[in-house]
C-alpha atoms as a PDB file:
ATOM      1  CA  MET A   1      -9.744 -12.192  35.196  1.00  0.00           C
ATOM      2  CA  SER A   2     -12.897 -13.950  34.074  1.00  0.00           C
ATOM      3  CA  ASP A   3     -13.824 -14.558  30.437  1.00  0.00           C
ATOM      4  CA  GLN A   4     -17.521 -15.072  31.291  1.00  0.00           C
ATOM      5  CA  GLY A   5     -19.684 -13.352  28.672  1.00  0.00           C
ATOM      6  CA  ALA A   6     -16.576 -12.265  26.771  1.00  0.00           C
ATOM      7  CA  THR A   7     -17.727 -13.759  23.479  1.00  0.00           C
ATOM      8  CA  GLU A   8     -20.392 -11.046  23.221  1.00  0.00           C
ATOM      9  CA  VAL A   9     -17.779  -8.284  23.310  1.00  0.00           C
ATOM     10  CA  PRO A  10     -16.079  -7.148  20.048  1.00  0.00           C
ATOM     11  CA  ARG A  11     -12.294  -7.328  19.884  1.00  0.00           C
ATOM     12  CA  GLY A  12     -10.475  -4.147  20.884  1.00  0.00           C
ATOM     13  CA  TRP A  13      -8.980  -2.191  23.776  1.00  0.00           C
ATOM     14  CA  TYR A  14     -10.957  -1.911  27.032  1.00  0.00           C
ATOM     15  CA  ARG A  15     -10.336  -0.720  30.546  1.00  0.00           C
ATOM     16  CA  ASP A  16      -8.386  -3.488  32.246  1.00  0.00           C
ATOM     17  CA  PRO A  17     -10.768  -5.662  34.300  1.00  0.00           C
ATOM     18  CA  ALA A  18      -7.761  -6.770  36.362  1.00  0.00           C
ATOM     19  CA  GLY A  19      -7.592  -3.285  37.840  1.00  0.00           C
ATOM     20  CA  SER A  20      -4.242  -2.127  36.431  1.00  0.00           C
ATOM     21  CA  GLY A  21      -5.708   1.300  35.662  1.00  0.00           C
ATOM     22  CA  GLY A  22      -4.814   0.965  31.975  1.00  0.00           C
ATOM     23  CA  TRP A  23      -6.124  -0.706  28.832  1.00  0.00           C
ATOM     24  CA  ARG A  24      -6.145  -4.437  28.068  1.00  0.00           C
ATOM     25  CA  TYR A  25      -6.686  -5.928  24.577  1.00  0.00           C
ATOM     26  CA  PHE A  26      -9.600  -8.326  24.096  1.00  0.00           C
ATOM     27  CA  ASP A  27      -9.136 -10.599  21.040  1.00  0.00           C
ATOM     28  CA  GLY A  28     -12.821 -11.395  20.561  1.00  0.00           C
ATOM     29  CA  SER A  29     -12.862 -14.513  22.721  1.00  0.00           C
ATOM     30  CA  ALA A  30     -10.552 -13.871  25.690  1.00  0.00           C
ATOM     31  CA  TRP A  31      -8.524 -11.194  27.427  1.00  0.00           C
ATOM     32  CA  THR A  32      -4.889 -11.104  26.303  1.00  0.00           C
ATOM     33  CA  GLU A  33      -1.734 -10.179  28.221  1.00  0.00           C
ATOM     34  CA  ILE A  34      -1.317  -7.006  26.112  1.00  0.00           C
ATOM     35  CA  VAL A  35      -1.717  -4.029  28.456  1.00  0.00           C
ATOM     36  CA  GLN A  36      -1.131  -0.320  27.853  1.00  0.00           C
ATOM     37  CA  PRO A  37      -1.076   2.504  30.418  1.00  0.00           C
ATOM     38  CA  LEU A  38      -3.766   5.165  30.781  1.00  0.00           C
ATOM     39  CA  LEU A  39      -3.174   8.695  32.032  1.00  0.00           C
ATOM     40  CA  GLN A  40      -5.564  11.627  32.329  1.00  0.00           C
ATOM     41  CA  ASN A  41      -6.115  15.121  30.874  1.00  0.00           C
ATOM     42  CA  VAL A  42      -5.736  14.429  27.148  1.00  0.00           C
ATOM     43  CA  GLU A  43      -8.694  15.295  24.916  1.00  0.00           C
ATOM     44  CA  VAL A  44      -9.848  12.383  22.796  1.00  0.00           C
ATOM     45  CA  LYS A  45     -10.522  14.570  19.743  1.00  0.00           C
ATOM     46  CA  LYS A  46      -6.841  15.535  19.493  1.00  0.00           C
ATOM     47  CA  LEU A  47      -5.943  11.925  18.686  1.00  0.00           C
ATOM     48  CA  ARG A  48      -7.618  12.282  15.262  1.00  0.00           C
ATOM     49  CA  ALA A  49      -6.304  15.741  14.386  1.00  0.00           C
ATOM     50  CA  ASP A  50      -3.444  14.637  12.139  1.00  0.00           C
ATOM     51  CA  ALA A  51      -4.685  11.645  10.180  1.00  0.00           C
ATOM     52  CA  ALA A  52      -8.298  12.380   9.238  1.00  0.00           C
ATOM     53  CA  PRO A  53      -7.940  15.191   6.620  1.00  0.00           C
ATOM     54  CA  VAL A  54      -5.279  13.382   4.602  1.00  0.00           C
ATOM     55  CA  ALA A  55      -7.195  10.102   4.718  1.00  0.00           C
ATOM     56  CA  ARG A  56     -10.380  11.779   3.476  1.00  0.00           C
ATOM     57  CA  ASN A  57      -8.534  13.280   0.508  1.00  0.00           C
ATOM     58  CA  LEU A  58      -6.856   9.970  -0.221  1.00  0.00           C
ATOM     59  CA  ILE A  59     -10.132   8.054  -0.312  1.00  0.00           C
ATOM     60  CA  SER A  60     -12.108  10.696  -2.202  1.00  0.00           C
ATOM     61  CA  TRP A  61      -9.925  11.454  -5.215  1.00  0.00           C
ATOM     62  CA  VAL A  62      -6.219  10.561  -5.242  1.00  0.00           C
ATOM     63  CA  LEU A  63      -6.446   6.765  -5.529  1.00  0.00           C
ATOM     64  CA  PRO A  64      -9.428   6.697  -7.939  1.00  0.00           C
ATOM     65  CA  LEU A  65      -7.576   9.181 -10.141  1.00  0.00           C
ATOM     66  CA  ALA A  66      -4.488   6.954 -10.095  1.00  0.00           C
ATOM     67  CA  ILE A  67      -6.583   3.958 -11.168  1.00  0.00           C
ATOM     68  CA  ALA A  68      -8.256   5.910 -13.976  1.00  0.00           C
ATOM     69  CA  THR A  69      -5.027   7.325 -15.409  1.00  0.00           C
ATOM     70  CA  ALA A  70      -3.309   3.916 -15.231  1.00  0.00           C
ATOM     71  CA  ALA A  71      -6.194   2.312 -17.117  1.00  0.00           C
ATOM     72  CA  VAL A  72      -6.081   5.002 -19.843  1.00  0.00           C
ATOM     73  CA  SER A  73      -2.297   4.676 -20.136  1.00  0.00           C
ATOM     74  CA  TYR A  74      -2.452   0.900 -20.577  1.00  0.00           C
ATOM     75  CA  ALA A  75      -5.332   1.236 -23.066  1.00  0.00           C
ATOM     76  CA  ALA A  76      -3.141   3.569 -25.127  1.00  0.00           C
ATOM     77  CA  LYS A  77      -0.294   1.040 -25.020  1.00  0.00           C
ATOM     78  CA  LEU A  78      -2.625  -1.753 -26.063  1.00  0.00           C
ATOM     79  CA  SER A  79      -3.785   0.195 -29.122  1.00  0.00           C
ATOM     80  CA  TYR A  80      -0.173   0.243 -30.341  1.00  0.00           C
ATOM     81  CA  ALA A  81       0.922  -3.198 -29.178  1.00  0.00           C
ATOM     82  CA  ASN A  82       2.465  -4.142 -32.533  1.00  0.00           C
ATOM     83  CA  VAL A  83       4.526  -0.959 -32.560  1.00  0.00           C
ATOM     84  CA  ALA A  84       5.679  -1.606 -29.006  1.00  0.00           C
ATOM     85  CA  LEU A  85       6.791  -5.122 -29.880  1.00  0.00           C
ATOM     86  CA  ALA A  86       8.627  -3.801 -32.938  1.00  0.00           C
ATOM     87  CA  GLN A  87      10.480  -1.385 -30.691  1.00  0.00           C
ATOM     88  CA  PHE A  88      11.479  -4.228 -28.373  1.00  0.00           C
ATOM     89  CA  ARG A  89      12.760  -6.116 -31.431  1.00  0.00           C
ATOM     90  CA  TYR A  90      14.716  -3.058 -32.558  1.00  0.00           C
ATOM     91  CA  PHE A  91      16.449  -2.658 -29.176  1.00  0.00           C
ATOM     92  CA  HIS A  92      17.254  -6.359 -29.213  1.00  0.00           C
ATOM     93  CA  GLU A  93      18.829  -6.057 -32.664  1.00  0.00           C
ATOM     94  CA  ILE A  94      20.756  -2.939 -31.634  1.00  0.00           C
ATOM     95  CA  PHE A  95      22.273  -4.909 -28.751  1.00  0.00           C
ATOM     96  CA  ARG A  96      23.272  -7.710 -31.115  1.00  0.00           C
ATOM     97  CA  TRP A  97      24.687  -5.215 -33.605  1.00  0.00           C
ATOM     98  CA  ALA A  98      26.726  -3.432 -30.911  1.00  0.00           C
ATOM     99  CA  THR A  99      28.207  -6.670 -29.600  1.00  0.00           C
ATOM    100  CA  ASN A 100      28.573  -8.538 -32.908  1.00  0.00           C
ATOM    101  CA  GLY A 101      28.852  -5.718 -35.415  1.00  0.00           C
ATOM    102  CA  ALA A 102      31.484  -7.422 -37.527  1.00  0.00           C
ATOM    103  CA  ARG A 103      29.125 -10.324 -38.250  1.00  0.00           C
ATOM    104  CA  MET A 104      26.083  -8.200 -39.122  1.00  0.00           C
ATOM    105  CA  ALA A 105      25.908  -6.503 -42.500  1.00  0.00           C
ATOM    106  CA  ASN A 106      23.687  -3.544 -41.666  1.00  0.00           C
ATOM    107  CA  GLN A 107      22.729  -1.534 -38.612  1.00  0.00           C
ATOM    108  CA  PRO A 108      19.106  -2.249 -37.590  1.00  0.00           C
ATOM    109  CA  VAL A 109      16.529   0.282 -38.793  1.00  0.00           C
ATOM    110  CA  ALA A 110      14.408   2.028 -36.180  1.00  0.00           C
ATOM    111  CA  PRO A 111      10.700   1.154 -36.376  1.00  0.00           C
ATOM    112  CA  THR A 112       7.810   3.572 -36.438  1.00  0.00           C
ATOM    113  CA  SER A 113       7.512   5.282 -33.082  1.00  0.00           C
ATOM    114  CA  THR A 114       4.319   5.419 -31.058  1.00  0.00           C
ATOM    115  CA  PRO A 115       2.356   8.708 -31.200  1.00  0.00           C
ATOM    116  CA  SER A 116       3.372  11.415 -28.742  1.00  0.00           C
ATOM    117  CA  TRP A 117      -0.013  11.281 -27.027  1.00  0.00           C
ATOM    118  CA  VAL A 118       0.732   7.715 -25.866  1.00  0.00           C
ATOM    119  CA  GLY A 119       3.873   8.990 -24.133  1.00  0.00           C
ATOM    120  CA  LEU A 120       1.844  11.837 -22.653  1.00  0.00           C
ATOM    121  CA  PHE A 121      -0.611   9.401 -21.092  1.00  0.00           C
ATOM    122  CA  ASP A 122       2.336   7.438 -19.697  1.00  0.00           C
ATOM    123  CA  ALA A 123       3.827  10.573 -18.149  1.00  0.00           C
ATOM    124  CA  VAL A 124       0.536  11.694 -16.604  1.00  0.00           C
ATOM    125  CA  SER A 125      -0.126   8.216 -15.224  1.00  0.00           C
ATOM    126  CA  SER A 126       3.344   8.065 -13.675  1.00  0.00           C
ATOM    127  CA  LEU A 127       2.969  11.492 -12.045  1.00  0.00           C
ATOM    128  CA  VAL A 128      -0.450  10.641 -10.600  1.00  0.00           C
ATOM    129  CA  ALA A 129       0.860   7.293  -9.308  1.00  0.00           C
ATOM    130  CA  LEU A 130       3.750   9.108  -7.629  1.00  0.00           C
ATOM    131  CA  ALA A 131       1.370  11.641  -6.080  1.00  0.00           C
ATOM    132  CA  SER A 132      -0.898   8.881  -4.771  1.00  0.00           C
ATOM    133  CA  PHE A 133       2.095   7.124  -3.200  1.00  0.00           C
ATOM    134  CA  VAL A 134       3.279  10.337  -1.502  1.00  0.00           C
ATOM    135  CA  VAL A 135      -0.181  11.011  -0.067  1.00  0.00           C
ATOM    136  CA  PHE A 136      -0.453   7.392   1.039  1.00  0.00           C
ATOM    137  CA  VAL A 137       2.841   7.377   2.962  1.00  0.00           C
ATOM    138  CA  VAL A 138       1.953  10.715   4.603  1.00  0.00           C
ATOM    139  CA  TRP A 139      -1.309   9.167   5.722  1.00  0.00           C
ATOM    140  CA  GLN A 140       0.574   6.063   6.886  1.00  0.00           C
ATOM    141  CA  TYR A 141       2.936   8.192   8.996  1.00  0.00           C
ATOM    142  CA  ARG A 142       0.096  10.045  10.713  1.00  0.00           C
ATOM    143  CA  SER A 143      -2.011   6.945  11.168  1.00  0.00           C
ATOM    144  CA  THR A 144       0.958   5.108  12.696  1.00  0.00           C
ATOM    145  CA  LYS A 145       1.278   7.928  15.252  1.00  0.00           C
ATOM    146  CA  GLU A 146      -2.430   7.634  15.883  1.00  0.00           C
ATOM    147  CA  ALA A 147      -2.253   3.851  16.375  1.00  0.00           C
ATOM    148  CA  ALA A 148       0.618   4.302  18.816  1.00  0.00           C
ATOM    149  CA  ASN A 149      -1.499   6.853  20.708  1.00  0.00           C
ATOM    150  CA  PHE A 150      -4.180   4.203  21.023  1.00  0.00           C
ATOM    151  CA  GLY A 151      -1.669   1.794  22.508  1.00  0.00           C
ATOM    152  CA  TYR A 152      -1.512  -0.572  19.538  1.00  0.00           C
ATOM    153  CA  LEU A 153       1.716  -2.550  19.535  1.00  0.00           C
ATOM    154  CA  MET A 154       3.970  -1.122  16.816  1.00  0.00           C
ATOM    155  CA  SER A 155       7.221  -2.774  15.739  1.00  0.00           C
ATOM    156  CA  ALA A 156       8.564   0.435  14.145  1.00  0.00           C
ATOM    157  CA  SER A 157       8.343   4.182  14.686  1.00  0.00           C
ATOM    158  CA  PRO A 158       6.121   6.274  12.391  1.00  0.00           C
ATOM    159  CA  ALA A 159       9.191   7.639  10.603  1.00  0.00           C
ATOM    160  CA  PHE A 160      10.744   4.228  10.027  1.00  0.00           C
ATOM    161  CA  SER A 161       7.450   2.811   8.768  1.00  0.00           C
ATOM    162  CA  VAL A 162       7.692   5.363   5.942  1.00  0.00           C
ATOM    163  CA  TRP A 163      11.434   5.092   5.297  1.00  0.00           C
ATOM    164  CA  SER A 164      11.160   1.312   5.043  1.00  0.00           C
ATOM    165  CA  TRP A 165       9.528   1.798   1.625  1.00  0.00           C
ATOM    166  CA  PHE A 166      12.883   3.058   0.321  1.00  0.00           C
ATOM    167  CA  ILE A 167      15.207   0.432   1.828  1.00  0.00           C
ATOM    168  CA  PRO A 168      16.117  -2.252  -0.748  1.00  0.00           C
ATOM    169  CA  LEU A 169      15.018  -5.781   0.210  1.00  0.00           C
ATOM    170  CA  ALA A 170      13.552  -4.491   3.489  1.00  0.00           C
ATOM    171  CA  ASN A 171      10.810  -2.832   1.445  1.00  0.00           C
ATOM    172  CA  CYS A 172       9.654  -6.305   0.416  1.00  0.00           C
ATOM    173  CA  TYR A 173       8.239  -6.866   3.914  1.00  0.00           C
ATOM    174  CA  LEU A 174       8.649  -4.098   6.528  1.00  0.00           C
ATOM    175  CA  PRO A 175       6.238  -1.489   5.073  1.00  0.00           C
ATOM    176  CA  TYR A 176       3.481  -4.077   4.804  1.00  0.00           C
ATOM    177  CA  ARG A 177       4.015  -5.221   8.381  1.00  0.00           C
ATOM    178  CA  ALA A 178       3.719  -1.570   9.457  1.00  0.00           C
ATOM    179  CA  LEU A 179       0.426  -1.266   7.551  1.00  0.00           C
ATOM    180  CA  ALA A 180      -0.907  -4.419   9.202  1.00  0.00           C
ATOM    181  CA  GLU A 181      -0.107  -2.987  12.634  1.00  0.00           C
ATOM    182  CA  LEU A 182      -2.403   0.005  12.065  1.00  0.00           C
ATOM    183  CA  VAL A 183      -5.183  -2.206  13.418  1.00  0.00           C
ATOM    184  CA  PRO A 184      -5.040  -4.380  16.568  1.00  0.00           C
ATOM    185  CA  PRO A 185      -3.383  -7.813  16.722  1.00  0.00           C
ATOM    186  CA  ASP A 186      -5.354 -10.627  15.032  1.00  0.00           C
ATOM    187  CA  HIS A 187      -7.783  -8.136  13.489  1.00  0.00           C
ATOM    188  CA  HIS A 188      -9.327  -9.509  10.293  1.00  0.00           C
ATOM    189  CA  ASP A 189      -8.546  -6.288   8.361  1.00  0.00           C
ATOM    190  CA  ARG A 190      -4.830  -6.981   8.632  1.00  0.00           C
ATOM    191  CA  ARG A 191      -5.262  -9.290   5.664  1.00  0.00           C
ATOM    192  CA  TYR A 192      -5.372  -6.327   3.269  1.00  0.00           C
ATOM    193  CA  ALA A 193      -1.765  -5.419   4.071  1.00  0.00           C
ATOM    194  CA  TRP A 194      -0.636  -8.974   3.382  1.00  0.00           C
ATOM    195  CA  TRP A 195      -2.624  -9.070   0.158  1.00  0.00           C
ATOM    196  CA  ALA A 196      -0.776  -5.907  -0.869  1.00  0.00           C
ATOM    197  CA  LEU A 197       2.487  -7.738  -0.185  1.00  0.00           C
ATOM    198  CA  ALA A 198       1.385 -10.603  -2.444  1.00  0.00           C
ATOM    199  CA  VAL A 199       0.537  -8.135  -5.218  1.00  0.00           C
ATOM    200  CA  ALA A 200       3.976  -6.546  -4.830  1.00  0.00           C
ATOM    201  CA  ALA A 201       5.520  -9.978  -5.376  1.00  0.00           C
ATOM    202  CA  MET A 202       3.501 -10.348  -8.572  1.00  0.00           C
ATOM    203  CA  LYS A 203       4.944  -7.034  -9.754  1.00  0.00           C
ATOM    204  CA  LEU A 204       8.378  -8.655  -9.646  1.00  0.00           C
ATOM    205  CA  VAL A 205       7.020 -11.390 -11.909  1.00  0.00           C
ATOM    206  CA  ALA A 206       5.787  -8.678 -14.285  1.00  0.00           C
ATOM    207  CA  VAL A 207       9.266  -7.144 -14.346  1.00  0.00           C
ATOM    208  CA  GLY A 208      10.700 -10.547 -15.219  1.00  0.00           C
ATOM    209  CA  LEU A 209       8.264 -10.880 -18.115  1.00  0.00           C
ATOM    210  CA  PHE A 210       9.211  -7.409 -19.335  1.00  0.00           C
ATOM    211  CA  VAL A 211      12.887  -8.372 -19.413  1.00  0.00           C
ATOM    212  CA  ALA A 212      12.019 -11.658 -21.119  1.00  0.00           C
ATOM    213  CA  THR A 213      10.302  -9.710 -23.903  1.00  0.00           C
ATOM    214  CA  PHE A 214      13.656  -8.258 -24.936  1.00  0.00           C
ATOM    215  CA  ILE A 215      15.124 -11.740 -25.130  1.00  0.00           C
ATOM    216  CA  SER A 216      12.416 -13.794 -26.836  1.00  0.00           C
ATOM    217  CA  LEU A 217      10.547 -11.068 -28.766  1.00  0.00           C
ATOM    218  CA  SER A 218       7.352 -13.030 -28.182  1.00  0.00           C
ATOM    219  CA  MET A 219       3.935 -11.416 -28.459  1.00  0.00           C
ATOM    220  CA  ALA A 220       2.623 -13.972 -25.972  1.00  0.00           C
ATOM    221  CA  ILE A 221       5.161 -12.927 -23.326  1.00  0.00           C
ATOM    222  CA  TRP A 222       4.470  -9.251 -24.036  1.00  0.00           C
ATOM    223  CA  SER A 223       0.741  -9.906 -23.588  1.00  0.00           C
ATOM    224  CA  MET A 224       1.315 -11.671 -20.247  1.00  0.00           C
ATOM    225  CA  TRP A 225       3.472  -8.762 -19.082  1.00  0.00           C
ATOM    226  CA  PHE A 226       0.804  -6.283 -20.166  1.00  0.00           C
ATOM    227  CA  VAL A 227      -2.068  -8.041 -18.384  1.00  0.00           C
ATOM    228  CA  LEU A 228      -0.107  -8.736 -15.197  1.00  0.00           C
ATOM    229  CA  SER A 229       1.314  -5.212 -15.060  1.00  0.00           C
ATOM    230  CA  LEU A 230      -2.127  -3.626 -15.475  1.00  0.00           C
ATOM    231  CA  ALA A 231      -3.708  -5.979 -12.939  1.00  0.00           C
ATOM    232  CA  THR A 232      -1.068  -5.362 -10.251  1.00  0.00           C
ATOM    233  CA  THR A 233      -1.108  -1.584 -10.809  1.00  0.00           C
ATOM    234  CA  VAL A 234      -4.881  -1.318 -10.383  1.00  0.00           C
ATOM    235  CA  THR A 235      -5.036  -3.873  -7.546  1.00  0.00           C
ATOM    236  CA  THR A 236      -2.334  -2.015  -5.605  1.00  0.00           C
ATOM    237  CA  GLN A 237      -4.377   1.188  -5.691  1.00  0.00           C
ATOM    238  CA  LEU A 238      -7.578  -0.641  -4.726  1.00  0.00           C
ATOM    239  CA  LEU A 239      -5.870  -2.325  -1.768  1.00  0.00           C
ATOM    240  CA  ARG A 240      -4.424   0.978  -0.574  1.00  0.00           C
ATOM    241  CA  ARG A 241      -7.906   2.420  -0.589  1.00  0.00           C
ATOM    242  CA  ARG A 242      -9.209  -0.599   1.322  1.00  0.00           C
ATOM    243  CA  ILE A 243      -6.396  -0.358   3.885  1.00  0.00           C
ATOM    244  CA  VAL A 244      -7.230   3.299   4.484  1.00  0.00           C
ATOM    245  CA  ALA A 245     -10.956   2.600   4.826  1.00  0.00           C
ATOM    246  CA  ALA A 246     -10.411  -0.333   7.215  1.00  0.00           C
ATOM    247  CA  THR A 247      -7.951   1.609   9.358  1.00  0.00           C
ATOM    248  CA  GLU A 248     -10.206   4.656   9.520  1.00  0.00           C
ATOM    249  CA  ALA A 249     -13.188   2.522  10.534  1.00  0.00           C
ATOM    250  CA  ASN A 250     -11.193   0.780  13.266  1.00  0.00           C
ATOM    251  CA  HIS A 251      -9.747   3.987  14.686  1.00  0.00           C
ATOM    252  CA  LEU A 252     -13.097   5.785  14.650  1.00  0.00           C
ATOM    253  CA  ALA A 253     -14.755   2.857  16.433  1.00  0.00           C
ATOM    254  CA  PHE A 254     -12.027   2.930  19.063  1.00  0.00           C
ATOM    255  CA  LEU A 255     -12.576   6.637  19.695  1.00  0.00           C
ATOM    256  CA  GLU A 256     -16.341   6.272  19.791  1.00  0.00           C
ATOM    257  CA  ARG A 257     -15.964   3.792  22.635  1.00  0.00           C
ATOM    258  CA  LEU A 258     -13.800   6.306  24.463  1.00  0.00           C
ATOM    259  CA  ARG A 259     -16.280   9.106  23.929  1.00  0.00           C
ATOM    260  CA  ALA A 260     -19.163   6.897  25.032  1.00  0.00           C
ATOM    261  CA  ALA A 261     -17.336   6.207  28.273  1.00  0.00           C
ATOM    262  CA  ASN A 262     -16.600   9.935  28.660  1.00  0.00           C
ATOM    263  CA  ASP A 263     -12.968   8.961  29.186  1.00  0.00           C
ATOM    264  CA  THR A 264      -9.570  10.392  28.296  1.00  0.00           C
ATOM    265  CA  PHE A 265      -6.577   8.631  26.830  1.00  0.00           C
ATOM    266  CA  HIS A 266      -2.861   9.305  27.098  1.00  0.00           C
ATOM    267  CA  PRO A 267      -0.901   9.331  23.800  1.00  0.00           C
ATOM    268  CA  ILE A 268       2.072   6.986  24.194  1.00  0.00           C
ATOM    269  CA  SER A 269       4.094   8.672  21.440  1.00  0.00           C
ATOM    270  CA  ALA A 270       4.295  12.321  20.507  1.00  0.00           C
END
């Protein structure tokens, strides 16, 4: 195979110039050894049938709604920060009283509770976040099938790419690798999946700060937890939206090249 003039060709899958009858991946500067078979009599439009409707809904309203409700929920918490810290102090004293009751004269007195509407915002935000996650993993499942149909190299099946979110420890890496594989190897848009992994790691830091608040009863630690928790919640939703947009753009571009060539492609997985 010759690489002459290859630098003018965008990275992606192309008919194999070596004559294998299949597809060969071009990384933007040279042909790779990654080859996938090509068979006939499959309509190109069927490859998009599953993923597109869910992705459109995800981009148009689910993730923005999750961001908005999270922001309102955290704003409500911020307006009653002193009450929240007093509640942390109360739970801390209750623990001390339960374990060292004989050395404490009186049972701690419960502080003023936050208004019910603050809890309502929390509940709504949690439900919307759950809904956005469900829609996202459904989209991920269908887009993983689609990527496999294109011949992209996948390290896990569509089903496992979803179930990996629920496997302890494994969910710290495997789901994000599956998201990265929705676009071709070495594609620059894979970085969004790894950024999402970094944000997930920061969420663990936020959890640590939350636990530390019970121990130190410090307003400074509570403030750091609040800011980091809000930032990671919003950033996670923004990155999900970016992952969807980047994947959709890549898959549509792939299909446009197929349509332009008036070709047909064989789905590798059902």
